[in-house]
Amino acid sequence: MELRDGVQHGTVISNEATIYFDTNDPIITPAWSNTVDLLAPVSAVDGLPVFTTDTLFTVSWSGTDDGAGIEYYDIFYTSGR
């Protein structure tokens, strides 16, 4: 699904509904809101030495996402063998 043309980052879209089943009383749903987040998160691994003989070393990273925040990182690695 795509956004309509002209929808801007940060736009809040809210919706609610009234559901009717036969002759029962209507069910009114609570309002639900979503905020349009058009900005991708940014992350990077902190620099490492070009060469090391150490068998243990620390790898660290950071990131930002002003729209939704970052809940977690998925980290993948290979031993290079």
N, C-alpha and C. Protein backbone atom coordinates (compact mmCIF):
# COMPACT_ATOMS: atom_id res chain seq x y z
N MET A 1 0.84 -1.17 0.00
CA MET A 1 0.00 0.00 0.00
C MET A 1 0.89 1.24 0.00
N GLU A 2 0.54 2.21 -0.76
CA GLU A 2 1.31 3.43 -0.85
C GLU A 2 0.50 4.61 -0.31
N LEU A 3 1.23 5.63 0.13
CA LEU A 3 0.58 6.84 0.61
C LEU A 3 0.09 7.68 -0.56
N ARG A 4 -0.90 8.47 -0.30
CA ARG A 4 -1.34 9.44 -1.30
C ARG A 4 -0.23 10.46 -1.53
N ASP A 5 -0.21 11.04 -2.70
CA ASP A 5 0.76 12.09 -3.00
C ASP A 5 0.57 13.24 -2.03
N GLY A 6 1.68 13.81 -1.58
CA GLY A 6 1.64 14.99 -0.74
C GLY A 6 1.56 14.72 0.76
N VAL A 7 1.44 13.45 1.19
CA VAL A 7 1.41 13.17 2.62
C VAL A 7 2.82 13.39 3.17
N GLN A 8 2.93 14.19 4.21
CA GLN A 8 4.23 14.60 4.75
C GLN A 8 4.64 13.73 5.93
N HIS A 9 5.96 13.68 6.17
CA HIS A 9 6.51 13.01 7.34
C HIS A 9 5.90 13.63 8.59
N GLY A 10 5.49 12.81 9.53
CA GLY A 10 4.92 13.30 10.78
C GLY A 10 3.41 13.46 10.76
N THR A 11 2.77 13.26 9.60
CA THR A 11 1.32 13.35 9.51
C THR A 11 0.67 12.26 10.38
N VAL A 12 -0.30 12.63 11.19
CA VAL A 12 -1.02 11.67 12.02
C VAL A 12 -2.32 11.30 11.31
N ILE A 13 -2.53 10.00 11.14
CA ILE A 13 -3.75 9.49 10.51
C ILE A 13 -4.53 8.74 11.58
N SER A 14 -5.76 9.18 11.85
CA SER A 14 -6.60 8.57 12.88
C SER A 14 -7.86 8.00 12.25
N ASN A 15 -8.38 6.96 12.88
CA ASN A 15 -9.59 6.34 12.38
C ASN A 15 -10.34 5.66 13.51
N GLU A 16 -11.62 5.53 13.36
CA GLU A 16 -12.46 4.77 14.28
C GLU A 16 -13.65 4.26 13.48
N ALA A 17 -14.37 3.31 14.05
CA ALA A 17 -15.46 2.71 13.29
C ALA A 17 -16.63 2.37 14.22
N THR A 18 -17.79 2.24 13.63
CA THR A 18 -18.97 1.72 14.31
C THR A 18 -19.40 0.48 13.54
N ILE A 19 -19.48 -0.65 14.25
CA ILE A 19 -19.79 -1.94 13.62
C ILE A 19 -21.21 -2.34 13.98
N TYR A 20 -21.98 -2.70 12.96
CA TYR A 20 -23.37 -3.11 13.17
C TYR A 20 -23.53 -4.58 12.80
N PHE A 21 -24.07 -5.40 13.73
CA PHE A 21 -24.40 -6.79 13.47
C PHE A 21 -25.89 -6.99 13.69
N ASP A 22 -26.59 -7.25 12.63
CA ASP A 22 -28.02 -7.52 12.70
C ASP A 22 -28.74 -6.48 13.56
N THR A 23 -29.47 -6.93 14.57
CA THR A 23 -30.24 -5.99 15.41
C THR A 23 -29.54 -5.70 16.74
N ASN A 24 -28.30 -6.16 16.90
CA ASN A 24 -27.55 -5.90 18.14
C ASN A 24 -27.15 -4.44 18.22
N ASP A 25 -26.83 -4.01 19.44
CA ASP A 25 -26.33 -2.65 19.62
C ASP A 25 -25.02 -2.49 18.83
N PRO A 26 -24.78 -1.31 18.31
CA PRO A 26 -23.54 -1.09 17.56
C PRO A 26 -22.31 -1.19 18.48
N ILE A 27 -21.21 -1.63 17.91
CA ILE A 27 -19.93 -1.67 18.62
C ILE A 27 -19.10 -0.52 18.10
N ILE A 28 -18.72 0.37 19.01
CA ILE A 28 -17.92 1.54 18.63
C ILE A 28 -16.47 1.24 18.98
N THR A 29 -15.61 1.24 17.98
CA THR A 29 -14.20 0.95 18.22
C THR A 29 -13.50 2.19 18.76
N PRO A 30 -12.45 1.99 19.54
CA PRO A 30 -11.69 3.16 19.98
C PRO A 30 -10.93 3.77 18.79
N ALA A 31 -10.61 5.04 18.92
CA ALA A 31 -9.83 5.70 17.87
C ALA A 31 -8.43 5.09 17.83
N TRP A 32 -7.88 4.94 16.64
CA TRP A 32 -6.53 4.40 16.44
C TRP A 32 -5.77 5.38 15.58
N SER A 33 -4.56 5.68 15.98
CA SER A 33 -3.74 6.64 15.23
C SER A 33 -2.42 6.03 14.79
N ASN A 34 -1.97 6.41 13.62
CA ASN A 34 -0.65 6.06 13.11
C ASN A 34 0.02 7.35 12.65
N THR A 35 1.32 7.45 12.88
CA THR A 35 2.08 8.60 12.44
C THR A 35 2.96 8.19 11.26
N VAL A 36 2.89 8.94 10.18
CA VAL A 36 3.67 8.64 8.98
C VAL A 36 5.14 8.93 9.26
N ASP A 37 5.98 7.91 9.07
CA ASP A 37 7.43 8.03 9.29
C ASP A 37 8.13 7.75 7.97
N LEU A 38 8.50 8.80 7.27
CA LEU A 38 9.13 8.66 5.96
C LEU A 38 10.65 8.69 6.01
N LEU A 39 11.22 8.85 7.21
CA LEU A 39 12.67 8.94 7.33
C LEU A 39 13.23 7.61 7.80
N ALA A 40 14.16 7.05 7.05
CA ALA A 40 14.78 5.77 7.40
C ALA A 40 15.72 5.94 8.59
N PRO A 41 15.83 4.91 9.41
CA PRO A 41 16.81 4.98 10.50
C PRO A 41 18.23 4.97 9.95
N VAL A 42 19.16 5.46 10.76
CA VAL A 42 20.56 5.51 10.37
C VAL A 42 21.36 4.76 11.43
N SER A 43 22.24 3.86 11.00
CA SER A 43 23.10 3.15 11.96
C SER A 43 24.47 2.93 11.35
N ALA A 44 25.45 2.70 12.21
CA ALA A 44 26.81 2.48 11.74
C ALA A 44 27.59 1.70 12.79
N VAL A 45 28.53 0.90 12.32
CA VAL A 45 29.47 0.21 13.20
C VAL A 45 30.64 1.16 13.44
N ASP A 46 31.05 1.27 14.71
CA ASP A 46 32.20 2.12 15.02
C ASP A 46 33.45 1.52 14.39
N GLY A 47 34.40 2.37 14.07
CA GLY A 47 35.61 1.94 13.36
C GLY A 47 36.40 0.84 14.08
N LEU A 48 37.02 -0.03 13.28
CA LEU A 48 37.86 -1.11 13.77
C LEU A 48 39.25 -0.95 13.17
N PRO A 49 40.27 -1.53 13.82
CA PRO A 49 41.60 -1.49 13.21
C PRO A 49 41.60 -2.24 11.87
N VAL A 50 42.43 -1.82 10.95
CA VAL A 50 42.53 -2.50 9.67
C VAL A 50 43.06 -3.91 9.86
N PHE A 51 43.95 -4.09 10.83
CA PHE A 51 44.56 -5.40 11.08
C PHE A 51 44.76 -5.58 12.57
N THR A 52 44.51 -6.79 13.08
CA THR A 52 44.78 -7.10 14.47
C THR A 52 45.14 -8.57 14.60
N THR A 53 45.97 -8.89 15.58
CA THR A 53 46.28 -10.29 15.87
C THR A 53 45.51 -10.77 17.09
N ASP A 54 44.77 -9.87 17.72
CA ASP A 54 43.96 -10.24 18.89
C ASP A 54 42.84 -11.18 18.46
N THR A 55 42.55 -12.15 19.30
CA THR A 55 41.44 -13.06 19.00
C THR A 55 40.14 -12.56 19.60
N LEU A 56 40.22 -11.62 20.51
CA LEU A 56 39.03 -11.00 21.09
C LEU A 56 39.12 -9.49 20.91
N PHE A 57 38.05 -8.89 20.47
CA PHE A 57 38.00 -7.44 20.35
C PHE A 57 36.55 -6.99 20.45
N THR A 58 36.36 -5.77 20.81
CA THR A 58 35.02 -5.21 21.01
C THR A 58 34.52 -4.57 19.72
N VAL A 59 33.28 -4.89 19.39
CA VAL A 59 32.60 -4.27 18.26
C VAL A 59 31.44 -3.46 18.84
N SER A 60 31.31 -2.22 18.44
CA SER A 60 30.21 -1.39 18.94
C SER A 60 29.56 -0.65 17.79
N TRP A 61 28.33 -0.25 17.99
CA TRP A 61 27.57 0.42 16.94
C TRP A 61 26.59 1.38 17.59
N SER A 62 26.03 2.22 16.78
CA SER A 62 25.03 3.18 17.27
C SER A 62 24.07 3.49 16.13
N GLY A 63 22.97 4.13 16.48
CA GLY A 63 22.00 4.50 15.46
C GLY A 63 20.98 5.47 16.01
N THR A 64 20.24 6.08 15.10
CA THR A 64 19.17 7.01 15.48
C THR A 64 17.99 6.81 14.53
N ASP A 65 16.83 7.11 15.05
CA ASP A 65 15.62 7.17 14.24
C ASP A 65 14.68 8.14 14.94
N ASP A 66 14.67 9.36 14.47
CA ASP A 66 13.88 10.41 15.11
C ASP A 66 12.38 10.14 15.05
N GLY A 67 11.92 9.37 14.06
CA GLY A 67 10.49 9.12 13.93
C GLY A 67 9.98 8.07 14.89
N ALA A 68 10.50 6.87 14.79
CA ALA A 68 9.97 5.75 15.57
C ALA A 68 10.91 5.27 16.66
N GLY A 69 12.15 5.63 16.60
CA GLY A 69 13.13 5.10 17.54
C GLY A 69 13.62 3.73 17.07
N ILE A 70 14.65 3.23 17.73
CA ILE A 70 15.21 1.92 17.39
C ILE A 70 14.93 0.98 18.55
N GLU A 71 14.22 -0.09 18.28
CA GLU A 71 13.88 -1.05 19.33
C GLU A 71 15.01 -2.04 19.54
N TYR A 72 15.63 -2.52 18.46
CA TYR A 72 16.71 -3.50 18.58
C TYR A 72 17.54 -3.50 17.30
N TYR A 73 18.69 -4.13 17.38
CA TYR A 73 19.57 -4.31 16.23
C TYR A 73 19.69 -5.80 15.95
N ASP A 74 19.71 -6.20 14.69
CA ASP A 74 20.07 -7.55 14.28
C ASP A 74 21.51 -7.50 13.82
N ILE A 75 22.35 -8.32 14.42
CA ILE A 75 23.78 -8.32 14.09
C ILE A 75 24.12 -9.64 13.40
N PHE A 76 24.78 -9.56 12.26
CA PHE A 76 25.24 -10.72 11.51
C PHE A 76 26.75 -10.62 11.36
N TYR A 77 27.43 -11.74 11.42
CA TYR A 77 28.88 -11.73 11.25
C TYR A 77 29.33 -13.00 10.54
N THR A 78 30.57 -12.97 10.07
CA THR A 78 31.20 -14.15 9.50
C THR A 78 32.63 -14.18 10.00
N SER A 79 33.16 -15.35 10.14
CA SER A 79 34.53 -15.48 10.65
C SER A 79 35.55 -15.23 9.55
N GLY A 80 35.12 -15.15 8.31
CA GLY A 80 36.02 -14.88 7.20
C GLY A 80 36.83 -16.10 6.79
N ARG A 81 36.47 -17.26 7.28
CA ARG A 81 37.21 -18.49 6.94
C ARG A 81 36.68 -19.14 5.71
